[in-house]
């Protein structure tokens, strides 16, 4: 949390019905006050991929739902991921029902490349939904992360928690 002298106060006018909805949201989400909720909403808005510069390094996810029965779609999606292997940290595949699969791809890299990968995925016939969600990866975040994880966690050169990596069992 920022020190008090780092905070700037300003007034915001809301229509009465909107502030009532906002107050209900604050209560449901467990915020202590409007300021905390408002700060989080602003941060979320500023992290929308459209608000960031293409050359920025980011980390995030590409979430997609697709019909795995569409001819060659699973193979094409796998090929796209192999082509972007340098930006993909991990992925998770879930069978939603007989026809649909959910895939979550953890990504880290240049936003322009990630936008391009997302676009290539979303235009595939049979992809029902695809969304790119990102956050900054900058020097301040790296510093904060290294301080927060300084106790008991180590990172490799890519910033991945070594304790989270799968290790083959000794034979």
N, C-alpha and C. Protein backbone atom coordinates (compact mmCIF):
# COMPACT_ATOMS: atom_id res chain seq x y z
N UNK A 1 0.85 -1.18 0.00
CA UNK A 1 0.00 0.00 0.00
C UNK A 1 0.88 1.23 0.00
N UNK A 2 0.51 2.23 -0.76
CA UNK A 2 1.27 3.47 -0.84
C UNK A 2 1.15 4.24 0.46
N UNK A 3 2.18 5.02 0.78
CA UNK A 3 2.11 5.90 1.95
C UNK A 3 1.06 6.96 1.70
N UNK A 4 0.52 7.52 2.80
CA UNK A 4 -0.52 8.53 2.69
C UNK A 4 -0.10 9.70 1.81
N UNK A 5 1.17 10.14 1.91
CA UNK A 5 1.60 11.29 1.11
C UNK A 5 1.64 10.98 -0.39
N UNK A 6 1.62 9.71 -0.75
CA UNK A 6 1.62 9.32 -2.16
C UNK A 6 0.21 9.29 -2.76
N UNK A 7 -0.81 9.44 -1.94
CA UNK A 7 -2.19 9.38 -2.41
C UNK A 7 -2.67 10.75 -2.88
N UNK A 8 -3.45 10.76 -3.93
CA UNK A 8 -4.10 11.97 -4.41
C UNK A 8 -5.59 11.80 -4.25
N UNK A 9 -6.22 12.74 -3.61
CA UNK A 9 -7.67 12.67 -3.40
C UNK A 9 -8.37 13.49 -4.48
N UNK A 10 -9.50 12.98 -4.94
CA UNK A 10 -10.32 13.71 -5.91
C UNK A 10 -11.75 13.25 -5.75
N UNK A 11 -12.67 14.06 -6.20
CA UNK A 11 -14.09 13.74 -6.08
C UNK A 11 -14.62 13.11 -7.35
N UNK A 12 -15.56 12.21 -7.19
CA UNK A 12 -16.21 11.56 -8.32
C UNK A 12 -17.71 11.60 -8.07
N UNK A 13 -18.47 12.06 -9.06
CA UNK A 13 -19.93 12.11 -8.94
C UNK A 13 -20.53 10.89 -9.62
N UNK A 14 -21.39 10.18 -8.92
CA UNK A 14 -22.08 9.00 -9.43
C UNK A 14 -23.58 9.24 -9.37
N UNK A 15 -24.33 8.76 -10.35
CA UNK A 15 -25.79 8.76 -10.20
C UNK A 15 -26.15 7.84 -9.02
N UNK A 16 -27.19 8.18 -8.29
CA UNK A 16 -27.57 7.43 -7.08
C UNK A 16 -27.75 5.93 -7.34
N UNK A 17 -28.44 5.51 -8.41
CA UNK A 17 -28.58 4.06 -8.62
C UNK A 17 -27.23 3.37 -8.89
N UNK A 18 -26.33 4.06 -9.57
CA UNK A 18 -25.03 3.46 -9.87
C UNK A 18 -24.19 3.31 -8.61
N UNK A 19 -24.20 4.32 -7.74
CA UNK A 19 -23.42 4.20 -6.50
C UNK A 19 -24.01 3.12 -5.60
N UNK A 20 -25.32 2.92 -5.65
CA UNK A 20 -25.94 1.84 -4.87
C UNK A 20 -25.45 0.49 -5.38
N UNK A 21 -25.38 0.32 -6.70
CA UNK A 21 -24.86 -0.92 -7.28
C UNK A 21 -23.39 -1.10 -6.92
N UNK A 22 -22.63 0.00 -6.97
CA UNK A 22 -21.20 -0.06 -6.64
C UNK A 22 -21.01 -0.46 -5.18
N UNK A 23 -21.80 0.12 -4.29
CA UNK A 23 -21.70 -0.23 -2.87
C UNK A 23 -22.04 -1.70 -2.63
N UNK A 24 -23.01 -2.22 -3.37
CA UNK A 24 -23.35 -3.64 -3.25
C UNK A 24 -22.18 -4.49 -3.74
N UNK A 25 -21.56 -4.10 -4.85
CA UNK A 25 -20.39 -4.79 -5.38
C UNK A 25 -19.26 -4.78 -4.35
N UNK A 26 -19.02 -3.63 -3.74
CA UNK A 26 -17.97 -3.50 -2.72
C UNK A 26 -18.21 -4.48 -1.58
N UNK A 27 -19.45 -4.54 -1.11
CA UNK A 27 -19.79 -5.44 -0.01
C UNK A 27 -19.60 -6.90 -0.42
N UNK A 28 -20.09 -7.27 -1.61
CA UNK A 28 -19.98 -8.65 -2.09
C UNK A 28 -18.53 -9.09 -2.28
N UNK A 29 -17.69 -8.16 -2.70
CA UNK A 29 -16.29 -8.49 -2.96
C UNK A 29 -15.42 -8.41 -1.70
N UNK A 30 -15.97 -7.84 -0.64
CA UNK A 30 -15.23 -7.78 0.61
C UNK A 30 -14.29 -6.59 0.76
N UNK A 31 -14.47 -5.57 -0.06
CA UNK A 31 -13.65 -4.37 0.08
C UNK A 31 -14.01 -3.63 1.36
N UNK A 32 -13.03 -2.93 1.93
CA UNK A 32 -13.27 -2.16 3.14
C UNK A 32 -13.87 -0.79 2.83
N UNK A 33 -13.59 -0.29 1.63
CA UNK A 33 -14.11 1.04 1.28
C UNK A 33 -14.16 1.21 -0.24
N UNK A 34 -14.78 2.30 -0.68
CA UNK A 34 -14.91 2.58 -2.11
C UNK A 34 -13.56 2.80 -2.76
N UNK A 35 -12.64 3.44 -2.05
CA UNK A 35 -11.33 3.75 -2.64
C UNK A 35 -10.59 2.48 -3.07
N UNK A 36 -10.58 1.46 -2.22
CA UNK A 36 -9.91 0.20 -2.58
C UNK A 36 -10.53 -0.41 -3.83
N UNK A 37 -11.84 -0.45 -3.87
CA UNK A 37 -12.54 -1.03 -5.02
C UNK A 37 -12.27 -0.22 -6.28
N UNK A 38 -12.32 1.09 -6.16
CA UNK A 38 -12.10 1.96 -7.31
C UNK A 38 -10.67 1.80 -7.84
N UNK A 39 -9.67 1.73 -6.94
CA UNK A 39 -8.28 1.53 -7.37
C UNK A 39 -8.13 0.23 -8.14
N UNK A 40 -8.75 -0.86 -7.63
CA UNK A 40 -8.65 -2.14 -8.33
C UNK A 40 -9.30 -2.09 -9.71
N UNK A 41 -10.44 -1.41 -9.81
CA UNK A 41 -11.11 -1.29 -11.11
C UNK A 41 -10.26 -0.49 -12.10
N UNK A 42 -9.61 0.57 -11.63
CA UNK A 42 -8.73 1.36 -12.50
C UNK A 42 -7.54 0.52 -12.94
N UNK A 43 -6.92 -0.21 -12.01
CA UNK A 43 -5.79 -1.07 -12.38
C UNK A 43 -6.21 -2.09 -13.44
N UNK A 44 -7.36 -2.70 -13.24
CA UNK A 44 -7.85 -3.69 -14.20
C UNK A 44 -8.05 -3.07 -15.58
N UNK A 45 -8.61 -1.88 -15.61
CA UNK A 45 -8.83 -1.19 -16.89
C UNK A 45 -7.51 -0.87 -17.57
N UNK A 46 -6.53 -0.42 -16.81
CA UNK A 46 -5.23 -0.06 -17.39
C UNK A 46 -4.45 -1.27 -17.87
N UNK A 47 -4.81 -2.45 -17.39
CA UNK A 47 -4.13 -3.67 -17.82
C UNK A 47 -4.83 -4.37 -18.98
N UNK A 48 -5.87 -3.77 -19.52
CA UNK A 48 -6.51 -4.35 -20.70
C UNK A 48 -5.46 -4.37 -21.82
N UNK A 49 -5.36 -5.46 -22.56
CA UNK A 49 -4.35 -5.53 -23.61
C UNK A 49 -4.41 -4.34 -24.59
N UNK A 50 -5.58 -3.80 -24.83
CA UNK A 50 -5.69 -2.67 -25.76
C UNK A 50 -5.08 -1.39 -25.18
N UNK A 51 -4.90 -1.32 -23.86
CA UNK A 51 -4.34 -0.12 -23.24
C UNK A 51 -2.82 -0.16 -23.13
N UNK A 52 -2.21 -1.29 -23.44
CA UNK A 52 -0.77 -1.45 -23.30
C UNK A 52 -0.07 -1.32 -24.65
N UNK A 53 1.20 -1.02 -24.62
CA UNK A 53 2.01 -0.90 -25.83
C UNK A 53 2.48 -2.27 -26.30
N UNK A 54 2.50 -2.47 -27.61
CA UNK A 54 2.87 -3.77 -28.18
C UNK A 54 4.26 -4.24 -27.80
N UNK A 55 5.18 -3.31 -27.54
CA UNK A 55 6.55 -3.71 -27.23
C UNK A 55 6.75 -4.09 -25.77
N UNK A 56 5.73 -3.90 -24.93
CA UNK A 56 5.85 -4.23 -23.52
C UNK A 56 5.91 -5.73 -23.29
N UNK A 57 6.69 -6.13 -22.29
CA UNK A 57 6.70 -7.52 -21.85
C UNK A 57 5.60 -7.69 -20.82
N UNK A 58 4.82 -8.73 -20.99
CA UNK A 58 3.68 -8.99 -20.12
C UNK A 58 3.63 -10.48 -19.79
N UNK A 59 2.82 -10.81 -18.81
CA UNK A 59 2.51 -12.20 -18.48
C UNK A 59 1.01 -12.30 -18.38
N UNK A 60 0.47 -13.47 -18.66
CA UNK A 60 -0.98 -13.61 -18.57
C UNK A 60 -1.46 -14.94 -19.08
N UNK A 61 -2.69 -14.93 -19.59
CA UNK A 61 -3.30 -16.16 -20.09
C UNK A 61 -4.05 -15.90 -21.39
N UNK A 62 -4.14 -16.94 -22.17
CA UNK A 62 -5.07 -16.99 -23.28
C UNK A 62 -6.03 -18.13 -22.91
N UNK A 63 -7.31 -17.79 -22.80
CA UNK A 63 -8.33 -18.78 -22.46
C UNK A 63 -9.18 -18.99 -23.70
N UNK A 64 -9.40 -20.24 -24.04
CA UNK A 64 -10.24 -20.52 -25.22
C UNK A 64 -11.17 -21.69 -24.95
N UNK A 65 -12.30 -21.67 -25.63
CA UNK A 65 -13.23 -22.78 -25.66
C UNK A 65 -13.41 -23.12 -27.14
N UNK A 66 -13.31 -24.41 -27.46
CA UNK A 66 -13.44 -24.79 -28.86
C UNK A 66 -14.10 -26.15 -29.00
N UNK A 67 -14.63 -26.38 -30.19
CA UNK A 67 -15.26 -27.65 -30.54
C UNK A 67 -14.18 -28.56 -31.11
N UNK A 68 -13.82 -29.58 -30.36
CA UNK A 68 -12.71 -30.44 -30.81
C UNK A 68 -13.09 -31.36 -31.97
N UNK A 69 -14.37 -31.37 -32.37
CA UNK A 69 -14.78 -32.18 -33.51
C UNK A 69 -14.57 -31.46 -34.84
N UNK A 70 -14.30 -30.16 -34.81
CA UNK A 70 -14.07 -29.42 -36.05
C UNK A 70 -12.78 -29.94 -36.67
N UNK A 71 -12.88 -30.27 -37.94
CA UNK A 71 -11.79 -30.91 -38.66
C UNK A 71 -10.45 -30.21 -38.47
N UNK A 72 -9.47 -30.94 -37.98
CA UNK A 72 -8.08 -30.50 -37.82
C UNK A 72 -7.89 -29.35 -36.82
N UNK A 73 -8.92 -28.90 -36.12
CA UNK A 73 -8.75 -27.78 -35.20
C UNK A 73 -7.78 -28.10 -34.07
N UNK A 74 -7.91 -29.23 -33.37
CA UNK A 74 -6.95 -29.50 -32.30
C UNK A 74 -5.50 -29.53 -32.79
N UNK A 75 -5.29 -30.07 -33.97
CA UNK A 75 -3.95 -30.11 -34.55
C UNK A 75 -3.46 -28.70 -34.87
N UNK A 76 -4.31 -27.88 -35.46
CA UNK A 76 -3.93 -26.50 -35.80
C UNK A 76 -3.62 -25.70 -34.54
N UNK A 77 -4.43 -25.86 -33.49
CA UNK A 77 -4.17 -25.14 -32.24
C UNK A 77 -2.84 -25.57 -31.63
N UNK A 78 -2.54 -26.86 -31.71
CA UNK A 78 -1.26 -27.35 -31.20
C UNK A 78 -0.10 -26.77 -32.01
N UNK A 79 -0.26 -26.71 -33.34
CA UNK A 79 0.78 -26.14 -34.20
C UNK A 79 1.03 -24.67 -33.84
N UNK A 80 -0.05 -23.90 -33.64
CA UNK A 80 0.10 -22.49 -33.26
C UNK A 80 0.87 -22.36 -31.95
N UNK A 81 0.57 -23.23 -31.00
CA UNK A 81 1.27 -23.17 -29.73
C UNK A 81 2.74 -23.57 -29.87
N UNK A 82 3.02 -24.53 -30.71
CA UNK A 82 4.42 -24.92 -30.94
C UNK A 82 5.18 -23.79 -31.62
N UNK A 83 4.53 -23.07 -32.52
CA UNK A 83 5.17 -21.94 -33.18
C UNK A 83 5.49 -20.83 -32.18
N UNK A 84 4.72 -20.73 -31.11
CA UNK A 84 4.91 -19.69 -30.09
C UNK A 84 5.50 -20.25 -28.81
N UNK A 85 6.22 -21.34 -28.90
CA UNK A 85 6.73 -22.03 -27.71
C UNK A 85 7.56 -21.13 -26.80
N UNK A 86 8.25 -20.14 -27.35
CA UNK A 86 9.08 -19.25 -26.55
C UNK A 86 8.26 -18.33 -25.66
N UNK A 87 6.98 -18.15 -25.94
CA UNK A 87 6.10 -17.29 -25.15
C UNK A 87 5.13 -18.07 -24.27
N UNK A 88 5.11 -19.38 -24.39
CA UNK A 88 4.16 -20.20 -23.64
C UNK A 88 4.87 -20.87 -22.48
N UNK A 89 4.35 -20.63 -21.28
CA UNK A 89 4.91 -21.21 -20.07
C UNK A 89 4.32 -22.59 -19.83
N UNK A 90 2.99 -22.68 -19.96
CA UNK A 90 2.28 -23.92 -19.67
C UNK A 90 0.89 -23.85 -20.26
N UNK A 91 0.20 -24.97 -20.30
CA UNK A 91 -1.21 -24.95 -20.67
C UNK A 91 -1.96 -26.05 -19.94
N UNK A 92 -3.27 -25.85 -19.86
CA UNK A 92 -4.15 -26.81 -19.22
C UNK A 92 -5.32 -27.07 -20.16
N UNK A 93 -5.65 -28.32 -20.33
CA UNK A 93 -6.73 -28.73 -21.23
C UNK A 93 -7.81 -29.42 -20.42
N UNK A 94 -9.06 -28.96 -20.59
CA UNK A 94 -10.18 -29.52 -19.84
C UNK A 94 -11.29 -29.90 -20.81
N UNK A 95 -11.85 -31.10 -20.65
CA UNK A 95 -12.98 -31.53 -21.47
C UNK A 95 -14.25 -31.04 -20.79
N UNK A 96 -14.95 -30.08 -21.41
CA UNK A 96 -16.16 -29.53 -20.82
C UNK A 96 -17.36 -30.44 -21.01
N UNK A 97 -17.45 -31.02 -22.18
CA UNK A 97 -18.53 -31.95 -22.50
C UNK A 97 -18.08 -32.79 -23.69
N UNK A 98 -18.99 -33.49 -24.32
CA UNK A 98 -18.62 -34.36 -25.44
C UNK A 98 -17.98 -33.60 -26.60
N UNK A 99 -18.39 -32.35 -26.81
CA UNK A 99 -17.94 -31.60 -27.97
C UNK A 99 -16.92 -30.50 -27.67
N UNK A 100 -16.98 -29.92 -26.47
CA UNK A 100 -16.19 -28.72 -26.21
C UNK A 100 -15.04 -28.94 -25.24
N UNK A 101 -13.95 -28.23 -25.53
CA UNK A 101 -12.77 -28.24 -24.68
C UNK A 101 -12.46 -26.82 -24.25
N UNK A 102 -11.95 -26.70 -23.05
CA UNK A 102 -11.46 -25.43 -22.52
C UNK A 102 -9.96 -25.56 -22.42
N UNK A 103 -9.25 -24.56 -22.90
CA UNK A 103 -7.80 -24.57 -22.79
C UNK A 103 -7.35 -23.24 -22.21
N UNK A 104 -6.47 -23.31 -21.23
CA UNK A 104 -5.88 -22.13 -20.62
C UNK A 104 -4.39 -22.19 -20.90
N UNK A 105 -3.87 -21.17 -21.56
CA UNK A 105 -2.46 -21.12 -21.92
C UNK A 105 -1.81 -20.01 -21.11
N UNK A 106 -0.85 -20.35 -20.27
CA UNK A 106 -0.09 -19.35 -19.51
C UNK A 106 1.01 -18.82 -20.43
N UNK A 107 1.07 -17.50 -20.57
CA UNK A 107 2.00 -16.88 -21.51
C UNK A 107 2.84 -15.82 -20.81
N UNK A 108 4.01 -15.57 -21.38
CA UNK A 108 4.88 -14.50 -20.91
C UNK A 108 5.77 -14.09 -22.07
N UNK A 109 5.70 -12.79 -22.42
CA UNK A 109 6.53 -12.33 -23.51
C UNK A 109 6.07 -10.98 -24.04
N UNK A 110 6.50 -10.68 -25.23
CA UNK A 110 6.17 -9.43 -25.89
C UNK A 110 4.68 -9.38 -26.21
N UNK A 111 4.02 -8.30 -25.78
CA UNK A 111 2.58 -8.18 -25.97
C UNK A 111 2.18 -8.27 -27.43
N UNK A 112 2.96 -7.68 -28.32
CA UNK A 112 2.63 -7.76 -29.74
C UNK A 112 2.57 -9.19 -30.24
N UNK A 113 3.53 -10.02 -29.82
CA UNK A 113 3.52 -11.44 -30.22
C UNK A 113 2.34 -12.16 -29.60
N UNK A 114 2.01 -11.85 -28.34
CA UNK A 114 0.89 -12.51 -27.68
C UNK A 114 -0.44 -12.11 -28.30
N UNK A 115 -0.56 -10.84 -28.68
CA UNK A 115 -1.77 -10.40 -29.39
C UNK A 115 -1.91 -11.17 -30.70
N UNK A 116 -0.80 -11.35 -31.39
CA UNK A 116 -0.81 -12.06 -32.67
C UNK A 116 -1.24 -13.52 -32.46
N UNK A 117 -0.69 -14.17 -31.44
CA UNK A 117 -1.08 -15.55 -31.15
C UNK A 117 -2.57 -15.62 -30.82
N UNK A 118 -3.04 -14.72 -29.97
CA UNK A 118 -4.46 -14.68 -29.61
C UNK A 118 -5.32 -14.52 -30.86
N UNK A 119 -4.94 -13.61 -31.73
CA UNK A 119 -5.71 -13.36 -32.97
C UNK A 119 -5.73 -14.62 -33.84
N UNK A 120 -4.59 -15.29 -33.95
CA UNK A 120 -4.54 -16.51 -34.75
C UNK A 120 -5.45 -17.60 -34.18
N UNK A 121 -5.55 -17.67 -32.86
CA UNK A 121 -6.40 -18.66 -32.21
C UNK A 121 -7.87 -18.31 -32.42
N UNK A 122 -8.24 -17.05 -32.17
CA UNK A 122 -9.66 -16.70 -32.18
C UNK A 122 -10.31 -16.77 -33.55
N UNK A 123 -9.54 -16.72 -34.62
CA UNK A 123 -10.14 -16.76 -35.96
C UNK A 123 -10.27 -18.18 -36.51
N UNK A 124 -9.80 -19.16 -35.74
CA UNK A 124 -9.90 -20.54 -36.21
C UNK A 124 -11.35 -21.00 -36.19
N UNK A 125 -11.78 -21.64 -37.27
CA UNK A 125 -13.13 -22.19 -37.32
C UNK A 125 -13.28 -23.22 -36.21
N UNK A 126 -14.30 -23.05 -35.38
CA UNK A 126 -14.54 -23.96 -34.28
C UNK A 126 -14.13 -23.40 -32.93
N UNK A 127 -13.37 -22.29 -32.92
CA UNK A 127 -13.04 -21.64 -31.65
C UNK A 127 -14.24 -20.77 -31.29
N UNK A 128 -14.87 -21.10 -30.18
CA UNK A 128 -16.09 -20.42 -29.77
C UNK A 128 -15.80 -19.19 -28.92
N UNK A 129 -14.65 -19.17 -28.26
CA UNK A 129 -14.30 -18.09 -27.36
C UNK A 129 -12.79 -18.08 -27.21
N UNK A 130 -12.21 -16.89 -27.23
CA UNK A 130 -10.77 -16.75 -26.97
C UNK A 130 -10.55 -15.37 -26.38
N UNK A 131 -9.84 -15.33 -25.26
CA UNK A 131 -9.58 -14.06 -24.59
C UNK A 131 -8.13 -14.02 -24.10
N UNK A 132 -7.48 -12.89 -24.33
CA UNK A 132 -6.14 -12.63 -23.83
C UNK A 132 -6.26 -11.73 -22.61
N UNK A 133 -5.67 -12.14 -21.51
CA UNK A 133 -5.65 -11.33 -20.29
C UNK A 133 -4.21 -11.23 -19.84
N UNK A 134 -3.73 -10.00 -19.57
CA UNK A 134 -2.32 -9.82 -19.25
C UNK A 134 -2.13 -8.87 -18.07
N UNK A 135 -0.91 -8.90 -17.54
CA UNK A 135 -0.45 -7.95 -16.55
C UNK A 135 0.97 -7.55 -16.92
N UNK A 136 1.43 -6.44 -16.35
CA UNK A 136 2.78 -5.97 -16.64
C UNK A 136 3.84 -6.94 -16.14
N UNK A 137 4.95 -6.97 -16.83
CA UNK A 137 6.17 -7.59 -16.33
C UNK A 137 7.23 -6.52 -16.54
N UNK A 138 7.46 -5.72 -15.50
CA UNK A 138 8.46 -4.67 -15.61
C UNK A 138 9.44 -4.77 -14.46
N UNK A 139 10.43 -3.92 -14.44
CA UNK A 139 11.46 -3.99 -13.42
C UNK A 139 10.90 -3.82 -12.02
N UNK A 140 9.91 -2.95 -11.82
CA UNK A 140 9.33 -2.77 -10.50
C UNK A 140 8.63 -4.03 -10.03
N UNK A 141 7.88 -4.67 -10.92
CA UNK A 141 7.21 -5.92 -10.55
C UNK A 141 8.22 -7.02 -10.27
N UNK A 142 9.30 -7.06 -11.05
CA UNK A 142 10.32 -8.07 -10.82
C UNK A 142 10.96 -7.87 -9.46
N UNK A 143 11.24 -6.62 -9.09
CA UNK A 143 11.83 -6.31 -7.80
C UNK A 143 10.87 -6.70 -6.68
N UNK A 144 9.60 -6.30 -6.79
CA UNK A 144 8.61 -6.63 -5.77
C UNK A 144 8.45 -8.13 -5.64
N UNK A 145 8.44 -8.82 -6.77
CA UNK A 145 8.29 -10.27 -6.76
C UNK A 145 9.48 -10.93 -6.09
N UNK A 146 10.68 -10.47 -6.38
CA UNK A 146 11.86 -11.09 -5.78
C UNK A 146 11.88 -10.84 -4.28
N UNK A 147 11.40 -9.69 -3.82
CA UNK A 147 11.34 -9.42 -2.39
C UNK A 147 10.27 -10.27 -1.73
N UNK A 148 9.11 -10.39 -2.37
CA UNK A 148 8.01 -11.17 -1.80
C UNK A 148 8.31 -12.66 -1.78
N UNK A 149 9.08 -13.12 -2.74
CA UNK A 149 9.37 -14.54 -2.84
C UNK A 149 10.74 -14.89 -2.28
N UNK A 150 11.39 -13.96 -1.63
CA UNK A 150 12.74 -14.16 -1.14
C UNK A 150 12.86 -15.22 -0.07
N UNK A 151 11.78 -15.63 0.50
CA UNK A 151 11.82 -16.60 1.57
C UNK A 151 11.37 -17.96 1.08
N UNK A 152 12.33 -18.82 0.73
CA UNK A 152 12.00 -20.20 0.43
C UNK A 152 11.64 -20.49 -1.02
N UNK A 153 11.51 -19.49 -1.85
CA UNK A 153 11.19 -19.73 -3.25
C UNK A 153 12.39 -19.32 -4.09
N UNK A 154 12.72 -20.13 -5.07
CA UNK A 154 13.75 -19.74 -6.01
C UNK A 154 13.16 -19.68 -7.40
N UNK A 155 13.76 -18.93 -8.26
CA UNK A 155 13.29 -18.76 -9.63
C UNK A 155 14.42 -19.11 -10.58
N UNK A 156 14.05 -19.66 -11.72
CA UNK A 156 15.05 -19.84 -12.75
C UNK A 156 15.15 -18.55 -13.55
N UNK A 157 15.91 -18.54 -14.63
CA UNK A 157 16.11 -17.32 -15.42
C UNK A 157 14.83 -16.78 -16.03
N UNK A 158 13.81 -17.62 -16.19
CA UNK A 158 12.55 -17.19 -16.77
C UNK A 158 11.57 -16.73 -15.71
N UNK A 159 11.96 -16.78 -14.42
CA UNK A 159 11.09 -16.33 -13.35
C UNK A 159 10.08 -17.36 -12.90
N UNK A 160 10.24 -18.60 -13.31
CA UNK A 160 9.30 -19.65 -12.96
C UNK A 160 9.70 -20.21 -11.61
N UNK A 161 8.73 -20.45 -10.74
CA UNK A 161 9.02 -21.05 -9.44
C UNK A 161 9.57 -22.44 -9.66
N UNK A 162 10.78 -22.68 -9.19
CA UNK A 162 11.36 -24.01 -9.34
C UNK A 162 10.57 -25.05 -8.58
N UNK A 163 9.98 -24.67 -7.45
CA UNK A 163 9.22 -25.64 -6.68
C UNK A 163 7.96 -26.08 -7.40
N UNK A 164 7.50 -25.31 -8.38
CA UNK A 164 6.27 -25.64 -9.09
C UNK A 164 6.51 -26.50 -10.32
N UNK A 165 7.77 -26.62 -10.73
CA UNK A 165 8.05 -27.38 -11.94
C UNK A 165 7.94 -28.88 -11.66
N UNK A 166 7.44 -29.59 -12.64
CA UNK A 166 7.36 -31.05 -12.51
C UNK A 166 8.74 -31.62 -12.70
N UNK A 167 9.12 -32.53 -11.84
CA UNK A 167 10.42 -33.17 -11.93
C UNK A 167 10.21 -34.67 -12.10
N UNK A 168 10.91 -35.27 -13.06
CA UNK A 168 10.76 -36.71 -13.24
C UNK A 168 11.29 -37.44 -12.01
N UNK A 169 10.60 -38.52 -11.67
CA UNK A 169 11.06 -39.32 -10.52
C UNK A 169 12.30 -40.07 -10.91
N UNK A 170 13.18 -40.25 -9.92
CA UNK A 170 14.40 -41.01 -10.15
C UNK A 170 14.03 -42.46 -10.40
N UNK A 171 14.75 -43.09 -11.32
CA UNK A 171 14.45 -44.50 -11.64
C UNK A 171 15.47 -45.41 -11.04
